[in-house]
Amino acid sequence: MLRAYQAVLTIILSAAIVACGNGMMGTYVPIRLKEGGYGPEQVMIAVICFAAGMLASCLLSGYLIRRVGHIRAFAAFASISGLVMLAMSWQISLEGWAGLRFVHGFTSNAIFMIVQSWLNERTESRFRGQIMAFFYVMYTLSYGGGALILTGVDVTTTGPLMIGCALYLAAIVPMSTTRVEAPSLPSRISIDLVKVYRLSPVGLVGAFVSGAVGMGLQGSGAVYAGLLGLAPAAISLLMFSTQAGNLVIQWPLGFLSDRLDRRYVLVGTGLAVSALTIFISGLSGETFLILAIAFAALGGCSESIYSISAAHANDWADEDDYVTLSSTILIVWSVGALSGPIAITPLLGWLGPVGLPLYCGVVAAAFALFALWRLTARAQPPEADQEQFQALAPAPASTDLAWNEEETPEPVIESEPAIESADKP
């Protein structure tokens, strides 16, 4: 078992370093644009562009990975992320930063897809759940820790951008030295909205809602905090709290979903998000500790919707459906992640900070009602067909997202046996 962890340590370390940079930049960009004199609606343009880059990455990065292989693709995407940091340091420009955030969204999502597909395919099935859980914990802690970097850095300087550049370049080192065999190259894109909706309506809609609420919270949280008048250090702590809550809350909700009809848990989670947003709407920057705790609970509940929805969809799927299912759910999540910031932008302009919790609460309540209705339409799948809950972040299997092409051989590298044999003498 220990050797199984050792075999993937360099891959997870690279992903954690990238996550640290992503978490820092997700908080830094709204703060810096606000300090530069831009209003909330203008700042949200950069958030929207980042989400659009993530969606584009879902559709195109598999094609690029086929051309050069996983390790070279990782190095290329991480290097481009570092160059984005350097380009942003030249001057503060909304148009320029929006374009660069699109590129950053593309590269960040591509890196995450490379790492998770690598771990999914090259880890033996009996260890996969534990390895993926370890990866998820490390990624989430690093993402939240990235926001904390800003508590000790002057955000009005280029210091955070230099740190970000250093992080992305540093992430290349562990990945470049790994000797774990690379996964098979992505071969096709398989999206079927009608089929997946018929298979699991709650799973598909839940993926969209998770993207809409989760990315809305992560992308707009710093803007919301700025409208409350919080200092940059306090904003960083608030964004860290959402990741901390994500780690704490997903596991008990997942435990419940393994023992109850998952739709009951999704109904309760949606209602909990709505209740939390009502509570948050009445808070201000003067009650920061309470606000941070509420944001932690809100972040944990909203992110849990994806994991439970994906597990519910898999409960109904046959083995032949997995590629189509995971591809479609990822795309739907990405569309939700883009639609969230788009919908929140005018609300922040019209209503001020209350626009964010209002949006999250309405979307979550609508989803809870939908899941409640579906409880009356179909019974839960047989217990024997239900898979065990696994905390997840949106990412495809290694063969999900790429255009149809003739098979291109992976560049040859020196490698050790795959992780499946990690425990063998």
Protein backbone atom coordinates (compact mmCIF):
# COMPACT_ATOMS: atom_id res chain seq x y z
CA MET A 1 0.00 0.00 0.00
CA LEU A 2 2.80 2.41 0.90
CA ARG A 3 4.47 1.76 -2.44
CA ALA A 4 1.22 2.60 -4.22
CA TYR A 5 1.30 6.05 -2.61
CA GLN A 6 5.00 6.48 -3.30
CA ALA A 7 4.47 5.68 -6.97
CA VAL A 8 2.09 8.61 -7.49
CA LEU A 9 3.61 11.07 -5.05
CA THR A 10 5.41 13.13 -7.69
CA ILE A 11 2.24 13.42 -9.78
CA ILE A 12 0.14 14.53 -6.81
CA LEU A 13 2.87 16.94 -5.69
CA SER A 14 2.88 18.63 -9.09
CA ALA A 15 -0.91 18.93 -9.00
CA ALA A 16 -0.83 20.37 -5.48
CA ILE A 17 1.68 23.05 -6.49
CA VAL A 18 -0.51 24.03 -9.44
CA ALA A 19 -3.57 24.10 -7.18
CA CYS A 20 -1.76 26.46 -4.83
CA GLY A 21 -1.15 28.85 -7.71
CA ASN A 22 -4.74 28.54 -8.92
CA GLY A 23 -6.14 29.25 -5.47
CA MET A 24 -3.95 32.30 -5.04
CA MET A 25 -4.80 33.72 -8.47
CA GLY A 26 -8.53 33.10 -8.07
CA THR A 27 -8.49 35.40 -5.05
CA TYR A 28 -5.80 37.81 -6.20
CA VAL A 29 -7.29 38.85 -9.54
CA PRO A 30 -10.61 40.23 -8.16
CA ILE A 31 -8.78 41.99 -5.31
CA ARG A 32 -6.19 43.57 -7.60
CA LEU A 33 -8.72 44.71 -10.18
CA LYS A 34 -10.82 46.27 -7.42
CA GLU A 35 -7.72 48.03 -6.07
CA GLY A 36 -7.07 49.21 -9.63
CA GLY A 37 -10.39 51.06 -9.69
CA TYR A 38 -12.60 48.58 -11.53
CA GLY A 39 -16.19 48.00 -10.41
CA PRO A 40 -17.70 44.60 -9.53
CA GLU A 41 -19.32 44.09 -12.92
CA GLN A 42 -16.01 44.77 -14.66
CA VAL A 43 -14.11 42.47 -12.30
CA MET A 44 -16.60 39.70 -13.05
CA ILE A 45 -15.61 39.83 -16.73
CA ALA A 46 -12.27 38.30 -15.76
CA VAL A 47 -14.07 35.62 -13.73
CA ILE A 48 -16.30 34.78 -16.69
CA CYS A 49 -13.31 34.53 -19.02
CA PHE A 50 -11.59 32.08 -16.68
CA ALA A 51 -14.70 29.86 -16.66
CA ALA A 52 -14.93 30.11 -20.46
CA GLY A 53 -11.32 28.94 -20.70
CA MET A 54 -12.16 25.92 -18.56
CA LEU A 55 -15.02 24.98 -20.88
CA ALA A 56 -12.81 25.36 -23.95
CA SER A 57 -10.21 23.17 -22.29
CA CYS A 58 -12.74 20.37 -21.82
CA LEU A 59 -13.32 20.32 -25.56
CA LEU A 60 -9.83 20.93 -26.94
CA SER A 61 -7.10 19.92 -24.50
CA GLY A 62 -7.50 16.20 -25.22
CA TYR A 63 -6.59 16.89 -28.85
CA LEU A 64 -3.44 18.71 -27.75
CA ILE A 65 -2.45 15.95 -25.32
CA ARG A 66 -2.63 13.44 -28.17
CA ARG A 67 -0.01 15.37 -30.09
CA VAL A 68 2.73 15.46 -27.47
CA GLY A 69 1.81 13.08 -24.65
CA HIS A 70 0.88 13.71 -21.03
CA ILE A 71 4.21 14.78 -19.55
CA ARG A 72 5.05 17.24 -22.31
CA ALA A 73 1.49 18.56 -22.29
CA PHE A 74 1.68 19.11 -18.53
CA ALA A 75 4.99 20.96 -18.90
CA ALA A 76 3.60 23.07 -21.74
CA PHE A 77 0.42 24.03 -19.90
CA ALA A 78 2.30 24.82 -16.68
CA SER A 79 4.83 26.93 -18.59
CA ILE A 80 2.04 28.84 -20.33
CA SER A 81 0.46 29.49 -16.92
CA GLY A 82 3.77 30.94 -15.74
CA LEU A 83 3.98 33.14 -18.83
CA VAL A 84 0.45 34.37 -18.12
CA MET A 85 1.63 35.53 -14.69
CA LEU A 86 4.52 37.44 -16.25
CA ALA A 87 2.24 39.02 -18.85
CA MET A 88 -0.19 40.15 -16.16
CA SER A 89 2.65 41.85 -14.29
CA TRP A 90 3.25 44.34 -17.11
CA GLN A 91 0.17 46.44 -16.38
CA ILE A 92 -3.36 46.29 -15.02
CA SER A 93 -5.74 46.22 -17.97
CA LEU A 94 -9.22 44.74 -17.81
CA GLU A 95 -9.17 43.68 -21.45
CA GLY A 96 -5.68 42.22 -21.22
CA TRP A 97 -6.30 40.46 -17.93
CA ALA A 98 -9.61 39.05 -19.17
CA GLY A 99 -7.87 37.47 -22.15
CA LEU A 100 -5.07 36.14 -19.99
CA ARG A 101 -7.56 34.67 -17.53
CA PHE A 102 -9.17 32.80 -20.41
CA VAL A 103 -5.80 31.26 -21.24
CA HIS A 104 -5.19 30.52 -17.57
CA GLY A 105 -8.57 28.81 -17.24
CA PHE A 106 -7.72 26.64 -20.24
CA THR A 107 -4.30 25.58 -18.94
CA SER A 108 -5.42 25.07 -15.34
CA ASN A 109 -8.26 22.77 -16.30
CA ALA A 110 -6.07 20.87 -18.76
CA ILE A 111 -3.48 20.23 -16.04
CA PHE A 112 -6.15 18.93 -13.68
CA MET A 113 -7.51 16.63 -16.38
CA ILE A 114 -4.03 15.25 -17.10
CA VAL A 115 -3.34 14.47 -13.46
CA GLN A 116 -6.68 12.92 -12.59
CA SER A 117 -6.80 10.79 -15.73
CA TRP A 118 -3.27 9.61 -14.92
CA LEU A 119 -4.24 8.59 -11.40
CA ASN A 120 -7.51 6.99 -12.52
CA GLU A 121 -5.90 4.77 -15.12
CA ARG A 122 -2.59 3.88 -13.50
CA THR A 123 -3.82 3.04 -10.01
CA GLU A 124 -4.92 -0.49 -9.20
CA SER A 125 -8.66 -0.67 -8.57
CA ARG A 126 -8.28 -1.81 -4.95
CA PHE A 127 -6.27 1.33 -4.16
CA ARG A 128 -7.99 3.79 -6.49
CA GLY A 129 -10.53 5.12 -4.02
CA GLN A 130 -7.88 5.82 -1.39
CA ILE A 131 -5.43 7.34 -3.85
CA MET A 132 -8.08 9.59 -5.39
CA ALA A 133 -9.27 10.66 -1.94
CA PHE A 134 -5.68 11.51 -0.99
CA PHE A 135 -5.27 13.46 -4.22
CA TYR A 136 -8.51 15.33 -3.62
CA VAL A 137 -7.52 16.28 -0.07
CA MET A 138 -4.09 17.49 -1.18
CA TYR A 139 -5.54 19.45 -4.10
CA THR A 140 -8.21 21.12 -1.97
CA LEU A 141 -5.82 22.00 0.85
CA SER A 142 -3.35 23.43 -1.64
CA TYR A 143 -6.04 25.43 -3.42
CA GLY A 144 -7.20 26.93 -0.15
CA GLY A 145 -3.62 27.43 0.98
CA GLY A 146 -2.94 29.44 -2.16
CA ALA A 147 -5.48 32.02 -1.04
CA LEU A 148 -3.71 32.24 2.32
CA ILE A 149 -0.49 33.34 0.59
CA LEU A 150 -2.11 36.72 0.03
CA THR A 151 -2.36 37.34 3.77
CA GLY A 152 1.40 37.95 3.82
CA VAL A 153 1.89 39.68 0.46
CA ASP A 154 1.15 43.22 -0.67
CA VAL A 155 -1.52 42.72 -3.34
CA THR A 156 -0.82 46.13 -4.87
CA THR A 157 2.58 44.91 -6.08
CA THR A 158 3.59 42.29 -8.62
CA GLY A 159 4.71 40.01 -5.80
CA PRO A 160 1.75 37.59 -6.04
CA LEU A 161 2.26 37.27 -9.79
CA MET A 162 5.93 36.41 -9.33
CA ILE A 163 4.97 33.82 -6.71
CA GLY A 164 2.39 32.39 -9.09
CA CYS A 165 4.92 32.15 -11.90
CA ALA A 166 7.38 30.39 -9.60
CA LEU A 167 4.73 27.90 -8.48
CA TYR A 168 3.73 26.90 -12.00
CA LEU A 169 7.32 26.45 -13.07
CA ALA A 170 8.13 24.51 -9.89
CA ALA A 171 5.25 22.13 -10.63
CA ILE A 172 7.04 20.95 -13.76
CA VAL A 173 9.96 19.51 -11.79
CA PRO A 174 8.21 16.61 -9.97
CA MET A 175 6.15 15.70 -13.03
CA SER A 176 9.21 15.70 -15.28
CA THR A 177 11.05 13.33 -12.97
CA THR A 178 8.25 10.78 -12.57
CA ARG A 179 8.91 7.32 -13.96
CA VAL A 180 5.31 6.13 -13.68
CA GLU A 181 3.98 4.94 -17.01
CA ALA A 182 1.79 7.54 -18.69
CA PRO A 183 -1.89 6.71 -19.28
CA SER A 184 -3.29 5.82 -22.68
CA LEU A 185 -3.92 8.74 -25.00
CA PRO A 186 -7.42 10.22 -25.21
CA SER A 187 -9.20 8.94 -28.29
CA ARG A 188 -12.66 10.42 -28.59
CA ILE A 189 -15.27 12.79 -27.32
CA SER A 190 -18.60 11.26 -26.38
CA ILE A 191 -21.41 13.58 -25.31
CA ASP A 192 -25.07 12.60 -25.29
CA LEU A 193 -27.29 14.91 -23.24
CA VAL A 194 -30.51 13.06 -24.02
CA LYS A 195 -29.10 9.66 -23.12
CA VAL A 196 -27.55 10.85 -19.86
CA TYR A 197 -30.69 12.75 -18.86
CA ARG A 198 -32.78 9.63 -19.44
CA LEU A 199 -30.24 7.62 -17.50
CA SER A 200 -30.09 10.00 -14.53
CA PRO A 201 -31.99 13.31 -14.64
CA VAL A 202 -30.91 14.25 -11.12
CA GLY A 203 -27.28 13.40 -11.84
CA LEU A 204 -27.14 15.57 -14.95
CA VAL A 205 -28.99 18.54 -13.45
CA GLY A 206 -26.96 18.20 -10.26
CA ALA A 207 -23.72 18.53 -12.25
CA PHE A 208 -24.99 21.76 -13.81
CA VAL A 209 -26.12 23.16 -10.45
CA SER A 210 -22.82 22.25 -8.82
CA GLY A 211 -20.94 24.16 -11.50
CA ALA A 212 -23.33 27.11 -11.39
CA VAL A 213 -23.28 27.46 -7.61
CA GLY A 214 -19.76 26.20 -6.88
CA MET A 215 -17.98 28.27 -9.52
CA GLY A 216 -20.29 31.17 -8.74
CA LEU A 217 -19.13 31.03 -5.15
CA GLN A 218 -15.44 30.47 -5.91
CA GLY A 219 -15.29 32.96 -8.75
CA SER A 220 -17.43 35.67 -7.19
CA GLY A 221 -16.64 35.18 -3.51
CA ALA A 222 -13.73 37.61 -3.53
CA VAL A 223 -15.84 40.20 -5.36
CA TYR A 224 -18.61 39.74 -2.80
CA ALA A 225 -16.14 40.14 0.06
CA GLY A 226 -14.73 43.29 -1.53
CA LEU A 227 -18.22 44.78 -1.70
CA LEU A 228 -18.56 44.09 2.03
CA GLY A 229 -15.45 46.21 2.56
CA LEU A 230 -13.19 43.41 3.78
CA ALA A 231 -9.43 43.90 3.64
CA PRO A 232 -7.40 41.69 1.26
CA ALA A 233 -6.15 39.48 4.12
CA ALA A 234 -9.72 38.90 5.32
CA ILE A 235 -10.85 38.11 1.78
CA SER A 236 -8.10 35.50 1.53
CA LEU A 237 -9.19 33.89 4.79
CA LEU A 238 -12.80 33.85 3.64
CA MET A 239 -11.91 32.07 0.40
CA PHE A 240 -9.78 29.58 2.32
CA SER A 241 -12.76 28.78 4.53
CA THR A 242 -14.79 27.56 1.54
CA GLN A 243 -12.13 24.94 0.77
CA ALA A 244 -11.81 23.91 4.42
CA GLY A 245 -15.56 23.41 4.60
CA ASN A 246 -15.43 21.41 1.40
CA LEU A 247 -13.10 18.88 3.02
CA VAL A 248 -15.08 18.62 6.24
CA ILE A 249 -18.62 18.38 4.86
CA GLN A 250 -18.26 16.12 1.81
CA TRP A 251 -17.41 13.01 3.80
CA PRO A 252 -20.44 12.89 6.15
CA LEU A 253 -22.77 13.73 3.28
CA GLY A 254 -21.17 10.99 1.20
CA PHE A 255 -21.56 8.56 4.11
CA LEU A 256 -25.27 9.36 4.26
CA SER A 257 -25.67 9.01 0.49
CA ASP A 258 -24.28 5.46 0.66
CA ARG A 259 -27.02 4.51 3.12
CA LEU A 260 -30.01 6.47 1.86
CA ASP A 261 -31.48 7.24 -1.52
CA ARG A 262 -28.93 9.78 -2.77
CA ARG A 263 -31.73 12.04 -3.94
CA TYR A 264 -32.86 12.56 -0.34
CA VAL A 265 -29.34 13.73 0.47
CA LEU A 266 -29.33 16.02 -2.57
CA VAL A 267 -32.68 17.52 -1.54
CA GLY A 268 -31.33 18.17 1.94
CA THR A 269 -28.08 19.60 0.59
CA GLY A 270 -29.91 21.95 -1.77
CA LEU A 271 -32.16 23.17 1.04
CA ALA A 272 -29.13 23.60 3.30
CA VAL A 273 -27.46 25.80 0.67
CA SER A 274 -30.61 27.91 0.42
CA ALA A 275 -30.87 28.27 4.20
CA LEU A 276 -27.21 29.25 4.45
CA THR A 277 -27.57 31.90 1.76
CA ILE A 278 -30.51 33.45 3.61
CA PHE A 279 -28.39 33.55 6.75
CA ILE A 280 -25.37 34.99 4.91
CA SER A 281 -27.52 37.72 3.36
CA GLY A 282 -27.98 39.22 6.81
CA LEU A 283 -24.27 39.25 7.70
CA SER A 284 -21.70 41.97 7.21
CA GLY A 285 -17.97 42.37 7.37
CA GLU A 286 -18.25 43.21 11.06
CA THR A 287 -19.25 39.60 11.81
CA PHE A 288 -16.32 38.09 9.94
CA LEU A 289 -15.90 34.94 12.04
CA ILE A 290 -19.54 33.97 11.62
CA LEU A 291 -19.35 34.85 7.93
CA ALA A 292 -16.29 32.61 7.45
CA ILE A 293 -17.99 29.67 9.19
CA ALA A 294 -21.11 30.15 7.07
CA PHE A 295 -19.00 30.32 3.90
CA ALA A 296 -17.23 27.11 4.92
CA ALA A 297 -20.58 25.35 5.26
CA LEU A 298 -21.83 26.85 2.00
CA GLY A 299 -18.70 25.80 0.11
CA GLY A 300 -18.87 22.28 1.48
CA CYS A 301 -22.54 21.79 0.65
CA SER A 302 -22.34 23.27 -2.84
CA GLU A 303 -19.31 21.20 -3.84
CA SER A 304 -20.87 18.04 -2.41
CA ILE A 305 -23.69 18.29 -4.92
CA TYR A 306 -21.29 17.29 -7.71
CA SER A 307 -19.87 14.22 -5.96
CA ILE A 308 -23.26 12.90 -4.89
CA SER A 309 -24.85 13.63 -8.28
CA ALA A 310 -22.02 11.82 -10.08
CA ALA A 311 -22.37 8.84 -7.75
CA HIS A 312 -26.13 8.78 -8.34
CA ALA A 313 -25.64 8.85 -12.11
CA ASN A 314 -23.10 6.02 -11.93
CA ASP A 315 -25.58 3.94 -9.92
CA TRP A 316 -27.81 3.81 -13.00
CA ALA A 317 -25.06 3.36 -15.59
CA ASP A 318 -23.79 0.18 -17.20
CA GLU A 319 -20.08 -0.21 -17.86
CA ASP A 320 -20.58 0.71 -21.52
CA ASP A 321 -22.12 4.03 -20.46
CA TYR A 322 -19.23 5.30 -18.32
CA VAL A 323 -17.33 7.21 -21.02
CA THR A 324 -20.43 8.98 -22.32
CA LEU A 325 -21.63 9.62 -18.78
CA SER A 326 -18.41 11.15 -17.46
CA SER A 327 -17.85 13.23 -20.62
CA THR A 328 -21.37 14.62 -20.63
CA ILE A 329 -21.43 15.37 -16.91
CA LEU A 330 -18.11 17.21 -17.16
CA ILE A 331 -19.30 19.36 -20.06
CA VAL A 332 -22.57 20.14 -18.28
CA TRP A 333 -20.65 21.08 -15.12
CA SER A 334 -18.43 23.38 -17.20
CA VAL A 335 -21.45 25.04 -18.80
CA GLY A 336 -22.87 25.58 -15.32
CA ALA A 337 -19.54 26.99 -14.15
CA LEU A 338 -19.69 29.51 -16.98
CA SER A 339 -23.36 30.40 -16.53
CA GLY A 340 -22.95 31.08 -12.81
CA PRO A 341 -20.61 34.09 -13.07
CA ILE A 342 -22.59 35.39 -16.06
CA ALA A 343 -25.82 35.38 -14.03
CA ILE A 344 -24.19 36.78 -10.90
CA THR A 345 -22.56 39.75 -12.65
CA PRO A 346 -25.70 41.89 -13.13
CA LEU A 347 -27.00 40.88 -9.69
CA LEU A 348 -23.89 42.26 -8.01
CA GLY A 349 -24.34 45.48 -9.95
CA TRP A 350 -28.04 45.84 -9.13
CA LEU A 351 -28.22 44.46 -5.60
CA GLY A 352 -24.68 44.73 -4.26
CA PRO A 353 -23.16 41.90 -2.19
CA VAL A 354 -26.55 40.29 -1.48
CA GLY A 355 -26.68 39.32 -5.17
CA LEU A 356 -24.31 36.37 -4.67
CA PRO A 357 -26.17 34.56 -1.86
CA LEU A 358 -29.49 35.35 -3.55
CA TYR A 359 -28.37 33.65 -6.76
CA CYS A 360 -26.91 30.61 -5.00
CA GLY A 361 -30.00 30.22 -2.83
CA VAL A 362 -32.49 30.37 -5.70
CA VAL A 363 -30.56 27.90 -7.87
CA ALA A 364 -30.07 25.45 -4.99
CA ALA A 365 -33.73 25.65 -3.96
CA ALA A 366 -34.85 24.98 -7.53
CA PHE A 367 -32.59 21.94 -7.66
CA ALA A 368 -33.93 20.64 -4.34
CA LEU A 369 -37.47 20.87 -5.70
CA PHE A 370 -36.43 19.08 -8.90
CA ALA A 371 -34.76 16.26 -6.96
CA LEU A 372 -37.82 16.01 -4.71
CA TRP A 373 -40.05 15.66 -7.76
CA ARG A 374 -37.80 12.95 -9.19
CA LEU A 375 -38.22 10.98 -5.96
CA THR A 376 -41.86 10.52 -6.91
CA ALA A 377 -41.06 9.58 -10.51
CA ARG A 378 -38.65 6.67 -10.04
CA ALA A 379 -37.42 4.42 -7.26
CA GLN A 380 -33.77 4.32 -6.30
CA PRO A 381 -31.55 1.74 -8.06
CA PRO A 382 -31.05 -1.68 -6.44
CA GLU A 383 -28.55 -1.58 -3.60
CA ALA A 384 -26.30 -4.05 -5.41
CA ASP A 385 -25.92 -1.58 -8.30
CA GLN A 386 -24.93 1.37 -6.14
CA GLU A 387 -21.29 2.37 -6.06
CA GLN A 388 -19.55 3.62 -2.95
CA PHE A 389 -19.39 7.41 -2.60
CA GLN A 390 -16.11 9.05 -3.54
CA ALA A 391 -15.31 12.72 -3.05
CA LEU A 392 -14.79 14.15 -6.51
CA ALA A 393 -13.86 17.28 -8.32
CA PRO A 394 -15.04 17.63 -11.92
CA ALA A 395 -12.63 15.85 -14.28
CA PRO A 396 -12.94 13.29 -17.06
CA ALA A 397 -11.61 9.82 -17.47
CA SER A 398 -8.48 9.68 -19.56
CA THR A 399 -10.23 8.72 -22.79
CA ASP A 400 -13.17 11.07 -22.61
CA LEU A 401 -12.39 14.39 -24.17
CA ALA A 402 -10.62 14.59 -27.49
CA TRP A 403 -11.46 14.73 -31.17
CA ASN A 404 -11.46 11.55 -33.22
CA GLU A 405 -8.02 11.03 -34.67
CA GLU A 406 -5.84 8.18 -35.78
CA GLU A 407 -3.92 6.71 -32.90
CA THR A 408 -0.78 8.68 -32.13
CA PRO A 409 1.91 6.87 -30.13
CA GLU A 410 2.89 8.31 -26.77
CA PRO A 411 6.44 9.70 -26.78
CA VAL A 412 8.72 7.02 -25.38
CA ILE A 413 10.07 7.70 -21.89
CA GLU A 414 11.86 5.54 -19.41
CA SER A 415 9.25 4.18 -17.06
CA GLU A 416 8.71 1.92 -14.14
CA PRO A 417 5.87 -0.59 -14.07
CA ALA A 418 2.45 0.95 -13.73
CA ILE A 419 0.99 1.50 -10.30
CA GLU A 420 -1.02 -1.70 -10.61
CA SER A 421 2.14 -3.61 -9.76
CA ALA A 422 3.36 -1.20 -7.10
CA ASP A 423 2.93 -3.75 -4.31
CA LYS A 424 4.65 -6.57 -6.15
CA PRO A 425 8.22 -7.45 -5.14
